[in-house]
Amino acid sequence: MFEFAAIVMADFTAPEEIRTNPQSLLLLLPLVVAIAVVYKATKLPRITAGNFLKESVVLFCSIVVFMLITALVLSGVAWLVIK
């Protein structure tokens, strides 16, 4: 048991390297799903399966769309600054 705990703790001694390429942005999607589900679970007055799923999907999509718009605007500003 001690060996397993030592191996698990050893994994946290070095940071996980995340590249800065477009594929690494896909790692944000599970985080956005978790945020949307937890937020809707705490804010809905009555939770039914259909309503909860619909509200969570709407929040997930709105977060992703906002992130895309923000990325496009920041890319445009960076392009204008470089030119």
N, C-alpha and C. Protein backbone atom coordinates (compact mmCIF):
# COMPACT_ATOMS: atom_id res chain seq x y z
N MET A 1 0.83 -1.20 0.00
CA MET A 1 0.00 0.00 0.00
C MET A 1 0.87 1.26 0.00
N PHE A 2 1.98 1.20 0.76
CA PHE A 2 2.86 2.36 0.82
C PHE A 2 3.50 2.66 -0.53
N GLU A 3 3.81 1.61 -1.29
CA GLU A 3 4.43 1.81 -2.61
C GLU A 3 3.48 2.52 -3.55
N PHE A 4 2.21 2.13 -3.50
CA PHE A 4 1.20 2.78 -4.35
C PHE A 4 1.05 4.25 -3.99
N ALA A 5 1.01 4.55 -2.69
CA ALA A 5 0.91 5.94 -2.25
C ALA A 5 2.13 6.74 -2.67
N ALA A 6 3.31 6.12 -2.61
CA ALA A 6 4.53 6.81 -3.02
C ALA A 6 4.52 7.11 -4.50
N ILE A 7 4.03 6.17 -5.31
CA ILE A 7 3.95 6.40 -6.76
C ILE A 7 2.97 7.51 -7.08
N VAL A 8 1.82 7.51 -6.41
CA VAL A 8 0.83 8.56 -6.65
C VAL A 8 1.37 9.92 -6.24
N MET A 9 2.04 10.00 -5.10
CA MET A 9 2.60 11.28 -4.66
C MET A 9 3.73 11.73 -5.58
N ALA A 10 4.48 10.80 -6.14
CA ALA A 10 5.59 11.15 -7.03
C ALA A 10 5.08 11.77 -8.32
N ASP A 11 3.86 11.43 -8.71
CA ASP A 11 3.30 12.03 -9.93
C ASP A 11 3.06 13.52 -9.77
N PHE A 12 2.91 14.00 -8.54
CA PHE A 12 2.61 15.41 -8.32
C PHE A 12 3.86 16.24 -8.08
N THR A 13 5.04 15.67 -8.23
CA THR A 13 6.26 16.44 -8.00
C THR A 13 6.67 17.25 -9.21
N ALA A 14 6.23 16.86 -10.39
CA ALA A 14 6.55 17.60 -11.61
C ALA A 14 5.25 18.04 -12.27
N PRO A 15 5.19 19.28 -12.74
CA PRO A 15 3.95 19.74 -13.37
C PRO A 15 3.68 19.03 -14.69
N GLU A 16 2.43 18.88 -15.00
CA GLU A 16 2.03 18.28 -16.27
C GLU A 16 2.28 19.30 -17.37
N GLU A 17 2.94 18.88 -18.43
CA GLU A 17 3.23 19.80 -19.52
C GLU A 17 2.07 19.80 -20.52
N ILE A 18 1.51 20.99 -20.72
CA ILE A 18 0.42 21.15 -21.68
C ILE A 18 0.94 22.06 -22.79
N ARG A 19 0.92 21.57 -23.98
CA ARG A 19 1.43 22.33 -25.13
C ARG A 19 0.50 23.49 -25.45
N THR A 20 0.98 24.42 -26.25
CA THR A 20 0.17 25.56 -26.65
C THR A 20 -0.20 25.43 -28.12
N ASN A 21 -0.91 24.37 -28.43
CA ASN A 21 -1.39 24.16 -29.79
C ASN A 21 -2.91 24.06 -29.75
N PRO A 22 -3.56 24.13 -30.90
CA PRO A 22 -5.03 24.09 -30.89
C PRO A 22 -5.62 22.83 -30.27
N GLN A 23 -4.93 21.69 -30.39
CA GLN A 23 -5.46 20.45 -29.82
C GLN A 23 -5.49 20.50 -28.29
N SER A 24 -4.57 21.24 -27.68
CA SER A 24 -4.56 21.31 -26.23
C SER A 24 -5.76 22.08 -25.68
N LEU A 25 -6.38 22.91 -26.52
CA LEU A 25 -7.57 23.62 -26.07
C LEU A 25 -8.75 22.68 -25.87
N LEU A 26 -8.68 21.49 -26.45
CA LEU A 26 -9.75 20.51 -26.22
C LEU A 26 -9.78 20.04 -24.78
N LEU A 27 -8.68 20.24 -24.04
CA LEU A 27 -8.66 19.88 -22.62
C LEU A 27 -9.57 20.79 -21.81
N LEU A 28 -9.96 21.94 -22.37
CA LEU A 28 -10.86 22.84 -21.66
C LEU A 28 -12.30 22.33 -21.64
N LEU A 29 -12.67 21.50 -22.61
CA LEU A 29 -14.07 21.07 -22.72
C LEU A 29 -14.55 20.27 -21.51
N PRO A 30 -13.79 19.31 -20.98
CA PRO A 30 -14.28 18.64 -19.76
C PRO A 30 -14.41 19.59 -18.58
N LEU A 31 -13.52 20.57 -18.49
CA LEU A 31 -13.62 21.57 -17.43
C LEU A 31 -14.89 22.40 -17.58
N VAL A 32 -15.21 22.79 -18.80
CA VAL A 32 -16.42 23.57 -19.04
C VAL A 32 -17.66 22.74 -18.73
N VAL A 33 -17.65 21.46 -19.07
CA VAL A 33 -18.77 20.58 -18.74
C VAL A 33 -18.96 20.51 -17.23
N ALA A 34 -17.88 20.34 -16.50
CA ALA A 34 -17.96 20.26 -15.04
C ALA A 34 -18.49 21.56 -14.45
N ILE A 35 -18.02 22.69 -14.96
CA ILE A 35 -18.49 23.99 -14.46
C ILE A 35 -19.98 24.15 -14.73
N ALA A 36 -20.43 23.81 -15.93
CA ALA A 36 -21.84 23.98 -16.27
C ALA A 36 -22.73 23.08 -15.42
N VAL A 37 -22.33 21.83 -15.22
CA VAL A 37 -23.15 20.90 -14.45
C VAL A 37 -23.22 21.31 -12.98
N VAL A 38 -22.08 21.66 -12.40
CA VAL A 38 -22.08 22.04 -10.99
C VAL A 38 -22.84 23.35 -10.79
N TYR A 39 -22.66 24.32 -11.67
CA TYR A 39 -23.36 25.59 -11.53
C TYR A 39 -24.86 25.40 -11.62
N LYS A 40 -25.31 24.63 -12.59
CA LYS A 40 -26.76 24.42 -12.72
C LYS A 40 -27.30 23.58 -11.58
N ALA A 41 -26.51 22.67 -11.04
CA ALA A 41 -26.97 21.86 -9.90
C ALA A 41 -27.18 22.72 -8.66
N THR A 42 -26.41 23.81 -8.54
CA THR A 42 -26.56 24.67 -7.37
C THR A 42 -27.58 25.78 -7.58
N LYS A 43 -27.89 26.13 -8.82
CA LYS A 43 -28.76 27.29 -9.08
C LYS A 43 -30.20 26.95 -9.44
N LEU A 44 -30.47 25.75 -9.93
CA LEU A 44 -31.84 25.42 -10.31
C LEU A 44 -32.68 25.17 -9.06
N PRO A 45 -33.88 25.77 -9.00
CA PRO A 45 -34.72 25.55 -7.81
C PRO A 45 -35.29 24.13 -7.75
N ARG A 46 -35.70 23.59 -8.89
CA ARG A 46 -36.19 22.22 -8.97
C ARG A 46 -35.43 21.51 -10.06
N ILE A 47 -34.86 20.36 -9.75
CA ILE A 47 -34.05 19.65 -10.74
C ILE A 47 -34.85 18.47 -11.27
N THR A 48 -35.15 18.54 -12.56
CA THR A 48 -35.70 17.39 -13.28
C THR A 48 -34.68 17.04 -14.35
N ALA A 49 -34.70 15.80 -14.79
CA ALA A 49 -33.67 15.34 -15.72
C ALA A 49 -33.66 16.15 -17.01
N GLY A 50 -34.82 16.35 -17.61
CA GLY A 50 -34.88 17.09 -18.87
C GLY A 50 -34.47 18.54 -18.73
N ASN A 51 -35.00 19.19 -17.70
CA ASN A 51 -34.69 20.60 -17.49
C ASN A 51 -33.22 20.79 -17.15
N PHE A 52 -32.68 19.92 -16.30
CA PHE A 52 -31.28 20.02 -15.91
C PHE A 52 -30.35 19.82 -17.09
N LEU A 53 -30.65 18.82 -17.91
CA LEU A 53 -29.83 18.55 -19.09
C LEU A 53 -29.88 19.71 -20.08
N LYS A 54 -31.08 20.24 -20.31
CA LYS A 54 -31.24 21.35 -21.25
C LYS A 54 -30.49 22.59 -20.76
N GLU A 55 -30.65 22.93 -19.50
CA GLU A 55 -29.98 24.12 -18.95
C GLU A 55 -28.46 23.96 -18.94
N SER A 56 -27.99 22.76 -18.64
CA SER A 56 -26.54 22.53 -18.63
C SER A 56 -25.95 22.63 -20.03
N VAL A 57 -26.66 22.10 -21.01
CA VAL A 57 -26.18 22.17 -22.40
C VAL A 57 -26.17 23.61 -22.89
N VAL A 58 -27.20 24.37 -22.54
CA VAL A 58 -27.24 25.78 -22.95
C VAL A 58 -26.09 26.56 -22.32
N LEU A 59 -25.84 26.32 -21.04
CA LEU A 59 -24.73 27.01 -20.38
C LEU A 59 -23.39 26.58 -20.97
N PHE A 60 -23.21 25.28 -21.24
CA PHE A 60 -21.98 24.79 -21.85
C PHE A 60 -21.75 25.47 -23.20
N CYS A 61 -22.77 25.51 -24.03
CA CYS A 61 -22.64 26.13 -25.36
C CYS A 61 -22.36 27.62 -25.26
N SER A 62 -23.00 28.30 -24.33
CA SER A 62 -22.76 29.74 -24.21
C SER A 62 -21.34 30.02 -23.73
N ILE A 63 -20.81 29.20 -22.84
CA ILE A 63 -19.42 29.38 -22.39
C ILE A 63 -18.46 29.15 -23.54
N VAL A 64 -18.68 28.09 -24.32
CA VAL A 64 -17.79 27.77 -25.44
C VAL A 64 -17.85 28.87 -26.50
N VAL A 65 -19.05 29.36 -26.81
CA VAL A 65 -19.19 30.43 -27.80
C VAL A 65 -18.50 31.70 -27.31
N PHE A 66 -18.66 32.03 -26.04
CA PHE A 66 -18.00 33.21 -25.50
C PHE A 66 -16.48 33.07 -25.56
N MET A 67 -15.96 31.86 -25.28
CA MET A 67 -14.52 31.64 -25.37
C MET A 67 -14.04 31.78 -26.81
N LEU A 68 -14.81 31.28 -27.77
CA LEU A 68 -14.42 31.42 -29.18
C LEU A 68 -14.42 32.88 -29.62
N ILE A 69 -15.45 33.62 -29.24
CA ILE A 69 -15.51 35.05 -29.60
C ILE A 69 -14.34 35.80 -28.97
N THR A 70 -14.04 35.50 -27.72
CA THR A 70 -12.92 36.16 -27.05
C THR A 70 -11.60 35.82 -27.74
N ALA A 71 -11.42 34.56 -28.13
CA ALA A 71 -10.19 34.17 -28.83
C ALA A 71 -10.07 34.88 -30.17
N LEU A 72 -11.17 35.00 -30.90
CA LEU A 72 -11.12 35.70 -32.18
C LEU A 72 -10.80 37.18 -32.01
N VAL A 73 -11.40 37.81 -31.02
CA VAL A 73 -11.13 39.23 -30.78
C VAL A 73 -9.68 39.44 -30.37
N LEU A 74 -9.19 38.60 -29.47
CA LEU A 74 -7.79 38.74 -29.05
C LEU A 74 -6.82 38.45 -30.19
N SER A 75 -7.16 37.49 -31.05
CA SER A 75 -6.31 37.22 -32.22
C SER A 75 -6.32 38.41 -33.17
N GLY A 76 -7.47 39.03 -33.35
CA GLY A 76 -7.54 40.22 -34.19
C GLY A 76 -6.74 41.38 -33.64
N VAL A 77 -6.82 41.58 -32.34
CA VAL A 77 -6.03 42.66 -31.71
C VAL A 77 -4.55 42.35 -31.85
N ALA A 78 -4.14 41.11 -31.63
CA ALA A 78 -2.73 40.76 -31.78
C ALA A 78 -2.26 40.95 -33.22
N TRP A 79 -3.12 40.61 -34.18
CA TRP A 79 -2.77 40.80 -35.58
C TRP A 79 -2.61 42.28 -35.91
N LEU A 80 -3.49 43.13 -35.35
CA LEU A 80 -3.37 44.57 -35.60
C LEU A 80 -2.11 45.15 -34.94
N VAL A 81 -1.76 44.67 -33.79
CA VAL A 81 -0.57 45.18 -33.09
C VAL A 81 0.69 44.78 -33.83
N ILE A 82 0.73 43.56 -34.35
CA ILE A 82 1.91 43.08 -35.06
C ILE A 82 2.09 43.82 -36.39
N LYS A 83 1.00 44.08 -37.09
CA LYS A 83 1.10 44.77 -38.39
C LYS A 83 1.45 46.18 -38.20
